[in-house]
N, C-alpha and C. Protein backbone atom coordinates (compact mmCIF):
# COMPACT_ATOMS: atom_id res chain seq x y z
N UNK A 1 30.96 -11.68 37.23
CA UNK A 1 29.79 -12.46 36.87
C UNK A 1 28.67 -11.58 36.33
N UNK A 2 28.46 -10.44 36.98
CA UNK A 2 27.40 -9.51 36.54
C UNK A 2 27.67 -9.03 35.14
N UNK A 3 28.93 -8.66 34.87
CA UNK A 3 29.27 -8.16 33.55
C UNK A 3 29.09 -9.22 32.48
N UNK A 4 29.38 -10.50 32.83
CA UNK A 4 29.20 -11.59 31.87
C UNK A 4 27.73 -11.78 31.53
N UNK A 5 26.85 -11.68 32.54
CA UNK A 5 25.41 -11.82 32.29
C UNK A 5 24.89 -10.70 31.39
N UNK A 6 25.35 -9.49 31.67
CA UNK A 6 24.95 -8.34 30.85
C UNK A 6 25.41 -8.54 29.41
N UNK A 7 26.64 -9.02 29.25
CA UNK A 7 27.19 -9.23 27.92
C UNK A 7 26.39 -10.25 27.13
N UNK A 8 25.89 -11.31 27.84
CA UNK A 8 25.12 -12.33 27.17
C UNK A 8 23.72 -11.86 26.80
N UNK A 9 23.11 -11.06 27.64
CA UNK A 9 21.74 -10.60 27.44
C UNK A 9 21.64 -9.48 26.43
N UNK A 10 22.65 -8.61 26.36
CA UNK A 10 22.59 -7.41 25.54
C UNK A 10 22.31 -7.67 24.07
N UNK A 11 23.02 -8.61 23.39
CA UNK A 11 22.72 -8.83 21.96
C UNK A 11 21.27 -9.19 21.71
N UNK A 12 20.68 -10.06 22.52
CA UNK A 12 19.28 -10.43 22.36
C UNK A 12 18.37 -9.24 22.54
N UNK A 13 18.68 -8.41 23.53
CA UNK A 13 17.87 -7.21 23.77
C UNK A 13 17.90 -6.28 22.58
N UNK A 14 19.07 -6.15 21.97
CA UNK A 14 19.20 -5.28 20.80
C UNK A 14 18.40 -5.82 19.63
N UNK A 15 18.41 -7.15 19.46
CA UNK A 15 17.64 -7.75 18.38
C UNK A 15 16.16 -7.50 18.56
N UNK A 16 15.66 -7.75 19.77
CA UNK A 16 14.24 -7.56 20.04
C UNK A 16 13.84 -6.11 19.87
N UNK A 17 14.71 -5.20 20.28
CA UNK A 17 14.40 -3.77 20.17
C UNK A 17 14.39 -3.35 18.70
N UNK A 18 15.38 -3.81 17.94
CA UNK A 18 15.50 -3.39 16.55
C UNK A 18 14.36 -3.91 15.69
N UNK A 19 13.85 -5.11 16.04
CA UNK A 19 12.78 -5.69 15.23
C UNK A 19 11.48 -4.94 15.36
N UNK A 20 11.39 -4.00 16.29
CA UNK A 20 10.19 -3.19 16.42
C UNK A 20 10.12 -2.10 15.36
N UNK A 21 11.21 -1.91 14.61
CA UNK A 21 11.28 -0.79 13.67
C UNK A 21 11.42 -1.26 12.24
N UNK A 22 10.65 -0.65 11.34
CA UNK A 22 10.89 -0.87 9.91
C UNK A 22 12.18 -0.17 9.53
N UNK A 23 12.74 -0.43 8.34
CA UNK A 23 14.05 0.08 7.99
C UNK A 23 14.19 1.59 8.10
N UNK A 24 13.20 2.35 7.63
CA UNK A 24 13.34 3.81 7.65
C UNK A 24 13.41 4.34 9.07
N UNK A 25 12.63 3.77 9.98
CA UNK A 25 12.67 4.22 11.37
C UNK A 25 14.00 3.81 11.99
N UNK A 26 14.45 2.59 11.68
CA UNK A 26 15.68 2.10 12.27
C UNK A 26 16.85 3.00 11.90
N UNK A 27 16.90 3.40 10.65
CA UNK A 27 17.98 4.26 10.20
C UNK A 27 17.90 5.62 10.86
N UNK A 28 16.71 6.20 10.89
CA UNK A 28 16.54 7.51 11.48
C UNK A 28 16.82 7.50 12.98
N UNK A 29 16.59 6.34 13.63
CA UNK A 29 16.74 6.26 15.06
C UNK A 29 18.15 5.84 15.49
N UNK A 30 19.01 5.59 14.52
CA UNK A 30 20.40 5.28 14.84
C UNK A 30 20.67 3.83 15.18
N UNK A 31 19.76 2.90 14.80
CA UNK A 31 19.97 1.50 15.12
C UNK A 31 20.64 0.72 14.00
N UNK A 32 20.86 1.36 12.88
CA UNK A 32 21.40 0.65 11.73
C UNK A 32 22.80 0.10 12.00
N UNK A 33 23.51 0.68 12.95
CA UNK A 33 24.87 0.24 13.26
C UNK A 33 24.90 -1.19 13.80
N UNK A 34 23.74 -1.66 14.32
CA UNK A 34 23.68 -3.00 14.90
C UNK A 34 23.27 -4.06 13.88
N UNK A 35 22.88 -3.62 12.69
CA UNK A 35 22.27 -4.53 11.73
C UNK A 35 23.15 -5.73 11.41
N UNK A 36 24.42 -5.51 11.11
CA UNK A 36 25.29 -6.60 10.69
C UNK A 36 25.59 -7.58 11.83
N UNK A 37 25.36 -7.16 13.07
CA UNK A 37 25.67 -8.00 14.22
C UNK A 37 24.48 -8.85 14.64
N UNK A 38 23.33 -8.58 14.10
CA UNK A 38 22.14 -9.22 14.63
C UNK A 38 21.81 -10.55 13.98
N UNK A 39 21.99 -10.66 12.68
CA UNK A 39 21.64 -11.91 12.02
C UNK A 39 22.45 -12.06 10.75
N UNK A 40 22.58 -13.29 10.31
CA UNK A 40 23.27 -13.59 9.06
C UNK A 40 22.24 -13.54 7.94
N UNK A 41 22.33 -12.52 7.09
CA UNK A 41 21.35 -12.32 6.03
C UNK A 41 21.26 -13.54 5.11
N UNK A 42 22.36 -14.21 4.92
CA UNK A 42 22.37 -15.37 4.02
C UNK A 42 21.50 -16.51 4.53
N UNK A 43 21.19 -16.51 5.82
CA UNK A 43 20.39 -17.57 6.40
C UNK A 43 18.88 -17.26 6.36
N UNK A 44 18.51 -16.05 5.92
CA UNK A 44 17.10 -15.69 5.87
C UNK A 44 16.41 -16.36 4.70
N UNK A 45 15.24 -16.90 4.95
CA UNK A 45 14.45 -17.59 3.92
C UNK A 45 13.38 -16.61 3.42
N UNK A 46 13.62 -16.01 2.25
CA UNK A 46 12.73 -14.98 1.73
C UNK A 46 11.31 -15.51 1.50
N UNK A 47 11.20 -16.71 0.96
CA UNK A 47 9.88 -17.28 0.70
C UNK A 47 9.08 -17.48 1.98
N UNK A 48 9.74 -17.97 3.01
CA UNK A 48 9.07 -18.20 4.29
C UNK A 48 8.70 -16.87 4.94
N UNK A 49 9.58 -15.89 4.86
CA UNK A 49 9.30 -14.57 5.45
C UNK A 49 8.09 -13.92 4.78
N UNK A 50 8.01 -14.03 3.47
CA UNK A 50 6.85 -13.47 2.75
C UNK A 50 5.57 -14.18 3.16
N UNK A 51 5.62 -15.50 3.23
CA UNK A 51 4.45 -16.28 3.61
C UNK A 51 3.97 -15.91 5.01
N UNK A 52 4.89 -15.84 5.97
CA UNK A 52 4.53 -15.51 7.34
C UNK A 52 4.05 -14.06 7.45
N UNK A 53 4.72 -13.17 6.72
CA UNK A 53 4.31 -11.77 6.73
C UNK A 53 2.90 -11.60 6.20
N UNK A 54 2.59 -12.30 5.12
CA UNK A 54 1.24 -12.22 4.53
C UNK A 54 0.18 -12.80 5.47
N UNK A 55 0.54 -13.87 6.16
CA UNK A 55 -0.41 -14.48 7.10
C UNK A 55 -0.74 -13.52 8.24
N UNK A 56 0.29 -12.87 8.78
CA UNK A 56 0.07 -11.89 9.85
C UNK A 56 -0.70 -10.67 9.34
N UNK A 57 -0.42 -10.28 8.08
CA UNK A 57 -1.09 -9.13 7.49
C UNK A 57 -2.59 -9.40 7.37
N UNK A 58 -2.94 -10.58 6.89
CA UNK A 58 -4.35 -10.96 6.75
C UNK A 58 -5.03 -11.01 8.12
N UNK A 59 -4.33 -11.56 9.10
CA UNK A 59 -4.90 -11.62 10.45
C UNK A 59 -5.15 -10.21 11.00
N UNK A 60 -4.23 -9.31 10.73
CA UNK A 60 -4.40 -7.93 11.19
C UNK A 60 -5.60 -7.30 10.50
N UNK A 61 -5.72 -7.52 9.21
CA UNK A 61 -6.82 -6.95 8.42
C UNK A 61 -8.17 -7.46 8.90
N UNK A 62 -8.19 -8.72 9.34
CA UNK A 62 -9.44 -9.33 9.77
C UNK A 62 -9.68 -9.22 11.27
N UNK A 63 -8.79 -8.57 11.99
CA UNK A 63 -8.91 -8.47 13.44
C UNK A 63 -10.15 -7.69 13.84
N UNK A 64 -10.75 -8.13 14.92
CA UNK A 64 -11.97 -7.48 15.41
C UNK A 64 -11.69 -6.40 16.45
N UNK A 65 -10.47 -6.35 16.97
CA UNK A 65 -10.12 -5.33 17.95
C UNK A 65 -8.85 -4.59 17.52
N UNK A 66 -8.72 -3.37 17.98
CA UNK A 66 -7.56 -2.55 17.62
C UNK A 66 -6.28 -3.14 18.21
N UNK A 67 -6.38 -3.68 19.41
CA UNK A 67 -5.20 -4.27 20.06
C UNK A 67 -4.69 -5.47 19.27
N UNK A 68 -5.62 -6.32 18.85
CA UNK A 68 -5.25 -7.50 18.07
C UNK A 68 -4.66 -7.10 16.72
N UNK A 69 -5.27 -6.11 16.09
CA UNK A 69 -4.77 -5.64 14.80
C UNK A 69 -3.35 -5.09 14.93
N UNK A 70 -3.12 -4.32 15.96
CA UNK A 70 -1.79 -3.73 16.17
C UNK A 70 -0.74 -4.82 16.36
N UNK A 71 -1.10 -5.87 17.11
CA UNK A 71 -0.17 -6.97 17.36
C UNK A 71 0.21 -7.68 16.06
N UNK A 72 -0.78 -7.99 15.24
CA UNK A 72 -0.48 -8.71 14.00
C UNK A 72 0.22 -7.83 12.97
N UNK A 73 -0.13 -6.55 12.95
CA UNK A 73 0.59 -5.65 12.05
C UNK A 73 2.06 -5.55 12.44
N UNK A 74 2.32 -5.52 13.73
CA UNK A 74 3.70 -5.46 14.20
C UNK A 74 4.48 -6.70 13.79
N UNK A 75 3.84 -7.87 13.93
CA UNK A 75 4.48 -9.12 13.53
C UNK A 75 4.71 -9.15 12.02
N UNK A 76 3.72 -8.68 11.26
CA UNK A 76 3.87 -8.63 9.80
C UNK A 76 4.99 -7.67 9.41
N UNK A 77 5.06 -6.54 10.07
CA UNK A 77 6.10 -5.55 9.78
C UNK A 77 7.49 -6.15 10.01
N UNK A 78 7.64 -6.92 11.07
CA UNK A 78 8.92 -7.56 11.34
C UNK A 78 9.32 -8.49 10.21
N UNK A 79 8.36 -9.30 9.74
CA UNK A 79 8.66 -10.25 8.66
C UNK A 79 9.01 -9.53 7.37
N UNK A 80 8.25 -8.48 7.04
CA UNK A 80 8.53 -7.74 5.81
C UNK A 80 9.86 -6.99 5.90
N UNK A 81 10.18 -6.52 7.09
CA UNK A 81 11.48 -5.85 7.27
C UNK A 81 12.62 -6.83 7.00
N UNK A 82 12.52 -8.04 7.57
CA UNK A 82 13.55 -9.05 7.33
C UNK A 82 13.57 -9.46 5.86
N UNK A 83 12.41 -9.50 5.22
CA UNK A 83 12.34 -9.80 3.79
C UNK A 83 13.10 -8.74 2.99
N UNK A 84 12.97 -7.48 3.40
CA UNK A 84 13.67 -6.40 2.70
C UNK A 84 15.18 -6.53 2.86
N UNK A 85 15.62 -7.22 3.92
CA UNK A 85 17.05 -7.46 4.11
C UNK A 85 17.51 -8.68 3.33
N UNK A 86 16.64 -9.69 3.28
CA UNK A 86 16.98 -10.90 2.52
C UNK A 86 17.01 -10.61 1.02
N UNK A 87 16.06 -9.74 0.57
CA UNK A 87 15.98 -9.37 -0.84
C UNK A 87 15.84 -7.85 -0.94
N UNK A 88 16.94 -7.13 -0.91
CA UNK A 88 16.91 -5.66 -0.89
C UNK A 88 16.20 -5.03 -2.08
N UNK A 89 16.09 -5.76 -3.20
CA UNK A 89 15.45 -5.20 -4.39
C UNK A 89 14.02 -5.72 -4.56
N UNK A 90 13.46 -6.23 -3.49
CA UNK A 90 12.10 -6.75 -3.53
C UNK A 90 11.11 -5.63 -3.23
N UNK A 91 10.41 -5.16 -4.26
CA UNK A 91 9.46 -4.06 -4.09
C UNK A 91 8.35 -4.43 -3.12
N UNK A 92 7.98 -5.71 -3.10
CA UNK A 92 6.83 -6.16 -2.32
C UNK A 92 7.02 -5.92 -0.83
N UNK A 93 8.22 -6.15 -0.33
CA UNK A 93 8.48 -5.95 1.09
C UNK A 93 8.20 -4.50 1.49
N UNK A 94 8.66 -3.57 0.68
CA UNK A 94 8.46 -2.15 0.98
C UNK A 94 7.01 -1.73 0.77
N UNK A 95 6.36 -2.31 -0.24
CA UNK A 95 4.95 -1.99 -0.48
C UNK A 95 4.10 -2.43 0.70
N UNK A 96 4.39 -3.60 1.25
CA UNK A 96 3.61 -4.10 2.37
C UNK A 96 3.86 -3.29 3.64
N UNK A 97 5.11 -2.90 3.86
CA UNK A 97 5.39 -2.04 5.02
C UNK A 97 4.69 -0.70 4.86
N UNK A 98 4.63 -0.23 3.62
CA UNK A 98 3.93 1.03 3.35
C UNK A 98 2.44 0.89 3.62
N UNK A 99 1.84 -0.23 3.21
CA UNK A 99 0.41 -0.45 3.44
C UNK A 99 0.08 -0.49 4.93
N UNK A 100 0.94 -1.12 5.71
CA UNK A 100 0.72 -1.19 7.15
C UNK A 100 0.79 0.21 7.75
N UNK A 101 1.82 0.97 7.39
CA UNK A 101 1.98 2.33 7.91
C UNK A 101 0.82 3.22 7.46
N UNK A 102 0.38 3.02 6.23
CA UNK A 102 -0.77 3.76 5.70
C UNK A 102 -2.01 3.50 6.55
N UNK A 103 -2.27 2.23 6.82
CA UNK A 103 -3.45 1.87 7.60
C UNK A 103 -3.37 2.38 9.04
N UNK A 104 -2.16 2.55 9.53
CA UNK A 104 -1.96 3.04 10.89
C UNK A 104 -1.82 4.56 10.94
N UNK A 105 -2.09 5.21 9.81
CA UNK A 105 -2.07 6.68 9.69
C UNK A 105 -0.67 7.27 9.93
N UNK A 106 0.35 6.49 9.62
CA UNK A 106 1.72 6.97 9.70
C UNK A 106 2.12 7.43 8.30
N UNK A 107 1.62 8.60 7.94
CA UNK A 107 1.70 9.07 6.56
C UNK A 107 3.13 9.19 6.04
N UNK A 108 4.00 9.79 6.83
CA UNK A 108 5.37 10.04 6.38
C UNK A 108 6.09 8.73 6.10
N UNK A 109 5.96 7.79 7.00
CA UNK A 109 6.63 6.50 6.84
C UNK A 109 6.03 5.71 5.68
N UNK A 110 4.71 5.76 5.54
CA UNK A 110 4.04 5.06 4.44
C UNK A 110 4.53 5.61 3.09
N UNK A 111 4.55 6.91 2.96
CA UNK A 111 4.98 7.54 1.71
C UNK A 111 6.44 7.19 1.40
N UNK A 112 7.27 7.18 2.43
CA UNK A 112 8.68 6.87 2.24
C UNK A 112 8.86 5.45 1.68
N UNK A 113 8.11 4.50 2.23
CA UNK A 113 8.23 3.12 1.77
C UNK A 113 7.59 2.91 0.41
N UNK A 114 6.49 3.62 0.12
CA UNK A 114 5.90 3.54 -1.22
C UNK A 114 6.90 4.05 -2.26
N UNK A 115 7.53 5.17 -1.98
CA UNK A 115 8.49 5.74 -2.92
C UNK A 115 9.70 4.84 -3.10
N UNK A 116 10.11 4.19 -2.01
CA UNK A 116 11.22 3.24 -2.10
C UNK A 116 10.83 2.08 -3.03
N UNK A 117 9.62 1.58 -2.86
CA UNK A 117 9.14 0.49 -3.71
C UNK A 117 9.08 0.92 -5.17
N UNK A 118 8.64 2.16 -5.41
CA UNK A 118 8.56 2.66 -6.78
C UNK A 118 9.95 2.87 -7.38
N UNK A 119 10.92 3.21 -6.54
CA UNK A 119 12.29 3.35 -7.03
C UNK A 119 12.83 2.00 -7.51
N UNK A 120 12.33 0.93 -6.91
CA UNK A 120 12.75 -0.41 -7.31
C UNK A 120 12.01 -0.89 -8.55
N UNK A 121 10.76 -0.45 -8.71
CA UNK A 121 9.94 -0.88 -9.85
C UNK A 121 8.86 0.18 -10.08
N UNK A 122 9.21 1.22 -10.82
CA UNK A 122 8.36 2.41 -10.90
C UNK A 122 7.00 2.19 -11.55
N UNK A 123 6.90 1.20 -12.43
CA UNK A 123 5.62 0.96 -13.11
C UNK A 123 4.86 -0.25 -12.56
N UNK A 124 5.30 -0.73 -11.42
CA UNK A 124 4.65 -1.90 -10.85
C UNK A 124 3.18 -1.60 -10.52
N UNK A 125 2.25 -2.36 -11.05
CA UNK A 125 0.83 -2.05 -10.85
C UNK A 125 0.38 -2.19 -9.40
N UNK A 126 0.94 -3.15 -8.69
CA UNK A 126 0.57 -3.37 -7.28
C UNK A 126 0.94 -2.16 -6.43
N UNK A 127 2.17 -1.70 -6.57
CA UNK A 127 2.64 -0.55 -5.78
C UNK A 127 1.86 0.71 -6.16
N UNK A 128 1.69 0.93 -7.45
CA UNK A 128 0.99 2.14 -7.90
C UNK A 128 -0.47 2.14 -7.48
N UNK A 129 -1.11 0.98 -7.51
CA UNK A 129 -2.50 0.91 -7.08
C UNK A 129 -2.64 1.35 -5.63
N UNK A 130 -1.82 0.79 -4.75
CA UNK A 130 -1.96 1.11 -3.34
C UNK A 130 -1.44 2.50 -2.99
N UNK A 131 -0.51 3.01 -3.79
CA UNK A 131 -0.09 4.40 -3.59
C UNK A 131 -1.22 5.32 -4.05
N UNK A 132 -1.97 4.88 -5.04
CA UNK A 132 -3.17 5.61 -5.44
C UNK A 132 -4.19 5.61 -4.31
N UNK A 133 -4.37 4.46 -3.67
CA UNK A 133 -5.26 4.37 -2.52
C UNK A 133 -4.83 5.33 -1.41
N UNK A 134 -3.52 5.40 -1.18
CA UNK A 134 -2.96 6.28 -0.16
C UNK A 134 -3.43 7.71 -0.39
N UNK A 135 -3.35 8.19 -1.63
CA UNK A 135 -3.74 9.56 -1.95
C UNK A 135 -5.25 9.74 -1.97
N UNK A 136 -5.95 8.71 -2.46
CA UNK A 136 -7.40 8.80 -2.54
C UNK A 136 -8.03 8.94 -1.15
N UNK A 137 -7.50 8.19 -0.18
CA UNK A 137 -8.03 8.24 1.18
C UNK A 137 -7.80 9.59 1.84
N UNK A 138 -6.86 10.34 1.31
CA UNK A 138 -6.54 11.66 1.86
C UNK A 138 -7.09 12.78 0.98
N UNK A 139 -8.02 12.41 0.10
CA UNK A 139 -8.71 13.36 -0.79
C UNK A 139 -7.76 14.09 -1.74
N UNK A 140 -6.65 13.45 -2.07
CA UNK A 140 -5.71 14.01 -3.03
C UNK A 140 -6.00 13.34 -4.38
N UNK A 141 -7.10 13.75 -4.98
CA UNK A 141 -7.67 13.01 -6.09
C UNK A 141 -6.82 13.02 -7.36
N UNK A 142 -6.20 14.13 -7.68
CA UNK A 142 -5.39 14.18 -8.90
C UNK A 142 -4.15 13.31 -8.77
N UNK A 143 -3.55 13.30 -7.58
CA UNK A 143 -2.39 12.44 -7.33
C UNK A 143 -2.82 10.96 -7.37
N UNK A 144 -3.96 10.69 -6.78
CA UNK A 144 -4.47 9.33 -6.79
C UNK A 144 -4.70 8.85 -8.22
N UNK A 145 -5.29 9.71 -9.04
CA UNK A 145 -5.56 9.37 -10.44
C UNK A 145 -4.29 9.01 -11.18
N UNK A 146 -3.23 9.75 -10.92
CA UNK A 146 -1.94 9.49 -11.57
C UNK A 146 -1.47 8.06 -11.31
N UNK A 147 -1.52 7.63 -10.07
CA UNK A 147 -1.00 6.30 -9.73
C UNK A 147 -1.96 5.19 -10.14
N UNK A 148 -3.25 5.44 -10.05
CA UNK A 148 -4.21 4.44 -10.53
C UNK A 148 -4.04 4.21 -12.03
N UNK A 149 -3.79 5.27 -12.78
CA UNK A 149 -3.62 5.13 -14.22
C UNK A 149 -2.36 4.35 -14.57
N UNK A 150 -1.30 4.54 -13.78
CA UNK A 150 -0.07 3.76 -14.02
C UNK A 150 -0.36 2.29 -13.79
N UNK A 151 -1.10 1.99 -12.72
CA UNK A 151 -1.48 0.61 -12.44
C UNK A 151 -2.35 0.05 -13.57
N UNK A 152 -3.31 0.85 -14.01
CA UNK A 152 -4.24 0.47 -15.09
C UNK A 152 -3.49 0.14 -16.37
N UNK A 153 -2.51 0.96 -16.70
CA UNK A 153 -1.77 0.81 -17.96
C UNK A 153 -0.63 -0.21 -17.89
N UNK A 154 -0.41 -0.78 -16.73
CA UNK A 154 0.69 -1.74 -16.59
C UNK A 154 0.25 -3.07 -15.98
N UNK A 155 -0.96 -3.49 -16.34
CA UNK A 155 -1.39 -4.81 -15.93
C UNK A 155 -2.74 -4.89 -15.24
N UNK A 156 -3.27 -3.74 -14.80
CA UNK A 156 -4.53 -3.75 -14.06
C UNK A 156 -5.70 -3.23 -14.89
N UNK A 157 -5.58 -3.29 -16.20
CA UNK A 157 -6.64 -2.77 -17.07
C UNK A 157 -7.95 -3.51 -16.85
N UNK A 158 -7.88 -4.80 -16.57
CA UNK A 158 -9.08 -5.61 -16.38
C UNK A 158 -9.36 -5.89 -14.90
N UNK A 159 -8.66 -5.17 -14.03
CA UNK A 159 -8.89 -5.34 -12.60
C UNK A 159 -10.13 -4.56 -12.19
N UNK A 160 -11.10 -5.25 -11.62
CA UNK A 160 -12.39 -4.65 -11.31
C UNK A 160 -12.26 -3.46 -10.35
N UNK A 161 -11.50 -3.63 -9.29
CA UNK A 161 -11.38 -2.57 -8.29
C UNK A 161 -10.66 -1.34 -8.85
N UNK A 162 -9.66 -1.57 -9.70
CA UNK A 162 -8.95 -0.44 -10.32
C UNK A 162 -9.91 0.36 -11.20
N UNK A 163 -10.73 -0.31 -11.97
CA UNK A 163 -11.71 0.37 -12.81
C UNK A 163 -12.74 1.12 -11.97
N UNK A 164 -13.12 0.52 -10.86
CA UNK A 164 -14.08 1.18 -9.96
C UNK A 164 -13.48 2.45 -9.36
N UNK A 165 -12.22 2.34 -8.91
CA UNK A 165 -11.54 3.51 -8.33
C UNK A 165 -11.45 4.65 -9.36
N UNK A 166 -11.11 4.29 -10.59
CA UNK A 166 -10.99 5.30 -11.64
C UNK A 166 -12.35 5.93 -11.96
N UNK A 167 -13.38 5.11 -12.03
CA UNK A 167 -14.73 5.62 -12.30
C UNK A 167 -15.15 6.62 -11.22
N UNK A 168 -14.88 6.28 -9.97
CA UNK A 168 -15.23 7.15 -8.86
C UNK A 168 -14.43 8.45 -8.89
N UNK A 169 -13.14 8.33 -9.22
CA UNK A 169 -12.29 9.52 -9.27
C UNK A 169 -12.68 10.46 -10.39
N UNK A 170 -12.92 9.91 -11.57
CA UNK A 170 -13.33 10.76 -12.69
C UNK A 170 -14.64 11.48 -12.36
N UNK A 171 -15.52 10.79 -11.66
CA UNK A 171 -16.77 11.42 -11.26
C UNK A 171 -16.51 12.58 -10.29
N UNK A 172 -15.62 12.36 -9.33
CA UNK A 172 -15.28 13.40 -8.36
C UNK A 172 -14.61 14.60 -9.04
N UNK A 173 -13.79 14.31 -10.05
CA UNK A 173 -13.06 15.36 -10.74
C UNK A 173 -13.89 16.04 -11.84
N UNK A 174 -15.08 15.48 -12.10
CA UNK A 174 -15.99 16.13 -13.04
C UNK A 174 -15.92 15.61 -14.46
N UNK A 175 -15.08 14.59 -14.71
CA UNK A 175 -15.03 14.02 -16.06
C UNK A 175 -16.10 12.93 -16.14
N UNK A 176 -17.35 13.35 -16.35
CA UNK A 176 -18.48 12.43 -16.30
C UNK A 176 -18.48 11.43 -17.46
N UNK A 177 -17.93 11.84 -18.59
CA UNK A 177 -17.90 10.96 -19.76
C UNK A 177 -17.03 9.74 -19.49
N UNK A 178 -15.81 9.96 -18.99
CA UNK A 178 -14.92 8.84 -18.69
C UNK A 178 -15.46 8.00 -17.54
N UNK A 179 -16.05 8.69 -16.58
CA UNK A 179 -16.63 7.99 -15.44
C UNK A 179 -17.71 7.02 -15.91
N UNK A 180 -18.59 7.49 -16.76
CA UNK A 180 -19.68 6.65 -17.27
C UNK A 180 -19.15 5.47 -18.09
N UNK A 181 -18.13 5.72 -18.89
CA UNK A 181 -17.55 4.65 -19.70
C UNK A 181 -17.02 3.52 -18.82
N UNK A 182 -16.39 3.89 -17.72
CA UNK A 182 -15.84 2.89 -16.82
C UNK A 182 -16.94 2.17 -16.05
N UNK A 183 -17.96 2.91 -15.64
CA UNK A 183 -19.09 2.26 -14.96
C UNK A 183 -19.79 1.27 -15.88
N UNK A 184 -19.90 1.62 -17.16
CA UNK A 184 -20.52 0.71 -18.14
C UNK A 184 -19.66 -0.54 -18.33
N UNK A 185 -18.36 -0.36 -18.29
CA UNK A 185 -17.45 -1.50 -18.39
C UNK A 185 -17.63 -2.43 -17.19
N UNK A 186 -17.78 -1.83 -16.01
CA UNK A 186 -17.99 -2.61 -14.79
C UNK A 186 -19.34 -3.33 -14.83
N UNK A 187 -20.31 -2.67 -15.41
CA UNK A 187 -21.67 -3.27 -15.48
C UNK A 187 -21.68 -4.51 -16.36
N UNK A 188 -20.84 -4.52 -17.39
CA UNK A 188 -20.75 -5.69 -18.26
C UNK A 188 -20.10 -6.87 -17.53
N UNK A 189 -19.15 -6.53 -16.66
CA UNK A 189 -18.47 -7.58 -15.90
C UNK A 189 -19.37 -8.13 -14.80
N UNK A 190 -20.10 -7.21 -14.16
CA UNK A 190 -20.97 -7.62 -13.06
C UNK A 190 -22.34 -6.96 -13.19
N UNK A 191 -23.18 -7.49 -14.07
CA UNK A 191 -24.49 -6.87 -14.36
C UNK A 191 -25.49 -6.95 -13.21
N UNK A 192 -25.16 -7.69 -12.16
CA UNK A 192 -26.09 -7.82 -11.03
C UNK A 192 -25.85 -6.78 -9.94
N UNK A 193 -24.83 -5.96 -10.13
CA UNK A 193 -24.52 -4.94 -9.13
C UNK A 193 -25.42 -3.72 -9.37
N UNK A 194 -26.43 -3.60 -8.55
CA UNK A 194 -27.40 -2.51 -8.72
C UNK A 194 -26.79 -1.14 -8.50
N UNK A 195 -25.78 -1.05 -7.64
CA UNK A 195 -25.16 0.25 -7.35
C UNK A 195 -24.48 0.82 -8.59
N UNK A 196 -23.90 -0.07 -9.42
CA UNK A 196 -23.26 0.38 -10.66
C UNK A 196 -24.31 0.87 -11.64
N UNK A 197 -25.40 0.16 -11.75
CA UNK A 197 -26.48 0.57 -12.64
C UNK A 197 -27.07 1.91 -12.22
N UNK A 198 -27.18 2.11 -10.92
CA UNK A 198 -27.71 3.38 -10.40
C UNK A 198 -26.76 4.53 -10.72
N UNK A 199 -25.46 4.23 -10.68
CA UNK A 199 -24.47 5.26 -11.01
C UNK A 199 -24.61 5.68 -12.47
N UNK A 200 -24.75 4.71 -13.34
CA UNK A 200 -24.90 5.00 -14.77
C UNK A 200 -26.15 5.84 -15.02
N UNK A 201 -27.23 5.47 -14.37
CA UNK A 201 -28.49 6.21 -14.53
C UNK A 201 -28.36 7.64 -14.01
N UNK A 202 -27.67 7.80 -12.90
CA UNK A 202 -27.50 9.15 -12.34
C UNK A 202 -26.64 10.02 -13.24
N UNK A 203 -25.64 9.41 -13.88
CA UNK A 203 -24.78 10.17 -14.79
C UNK A 203 -25.53 10.53 -16.07
N UNK A 204 -26.46 9.67 -16.48
CA UNK A 204 -27.28 9.96 -17.67
C UNK A 204 -28.15 11.20 -17.45
N UNK A 205 -28.51 11.44 -16.21
CA UNK A 205 -29.37 12.58 -15.88
C UNK A 205 -28.60 13.90 -15.87
N UNK A 206 -27.25 13.79 -15.81
CA UNK A 206 -26.42 14.99 -15.77
C UNK A 206 -26.02 15.39 -17.19
N UNK A 207 -25.85 16.66 -17.37
CA UNK A 207 -25.44 17.19 -18.68
C UNK A 207 -23.93 17.33 -18.66
N UNK A 208 -23.24 16.48 -19.42
CA UNK A 208 -21.77 16.50 -19.42
C UNK A 208 -21.21 17.86 -19.81
N UNK A 209 -21.87 18.53 -20.76
CA UNK A 209 -21.35 19.80 -21.23
C UNK A 209 -21.45 20.90 -20.18
N UNK A 210 -22.17 20.63 -19.12
CA UNK A 210 -22.26 21.60 -18.03
C UNK A 210 -21.34 21.24 -16.87
N UNK A 211 -20.60 20.14 -17.03
CA UNK A 211 -19.74 19.70 -15.93
C UNK A 211 -18.50 20.60 -15.84
N UNK A 212 -17.95 20.65 -14.64
CA UNK A 212 -16.77 21.47 -14.38
C UNK A 212 -15.60 21.03 -15.23
N UNK A 213 -15.40 19.71 -15.37
CA UNK A 213 -14.27 19.18 -16.12
C UNK A 213 -14.36 19.56 -17.60
N UNK A 214 -15.56 19.52 -18.14
CA UNK A 214 -15.75 19.84 -19.55
C UNK A 214 -15.29 21.27 -19.84
N UNK A 215 -15.69 22.21 -18.99
CA UNK A 215 -15.29 23.60 -19.22
C UNK A 215 -13.80 23.80 -18.98
N UNK A 216 -13.23 23.00 -18.05
CA UNK A 216 -11.81 23.12 -17.75
C UNK A 216 -10.97 22.76 -18.95
N UNK A 217 -11.33 21.66 -19.65
CA UNK A 217 -10.53 21.23 -20.78
C UNK A 217 -10.80 22.05 -22.03
N UNK A 218 -11.89 22.81 -22.03
CA UNK A 218 -12.22 23.67 -23.17
C UNK A 218 -11.49 25.00 -23.11
N UNK A 219 -11.03 25.37 -21.90
CA UNK A 219 -10.39 26.68 -21.72
C UNK A 219 -8.94 26.64 -22.16
């Protein structure tokens, strides 16, 4: 009788344990051997998984406490993981898992999932934008610029936040001319934003020919 109870409980325990891990962790931790026994992939509803994952993601983002945020991120991660199984070539599932890991300061896992998403769709503006964010938050400005530009050139040219990120990066890197051009573009879109106008005015006071970037490209 005891052995029968253990046999009945064990599969459920394995499912609950495995759902705590995104794909890269599961593989590294040796749980991938259980994958085919846990659920029928053909029965997974990709649309519903994405919807539920996004709902949990938004709740996590809007959470007022760290405990609540962690709970919703975990639930979102589970949904996106199952989405990656339902649709293995879906870049979005991996991008979202990467964003969660990024926000939780799990750098190695975040980078792994971003790269996986890019392997599926290397010029995707959504993935490149957030991979740019990943590098920008870690002060890796040249790497961030690379990915923001891919996003910009593949659909995000008129995206306000992408233009703002590029303007800020060019300013940090010393390319004041490009930075000013982008700030002026933003000012036309949103002329009531005083912070953008102040940026333009501050750049006007600087001498571009004395900037670090100007001398770098002249050498």
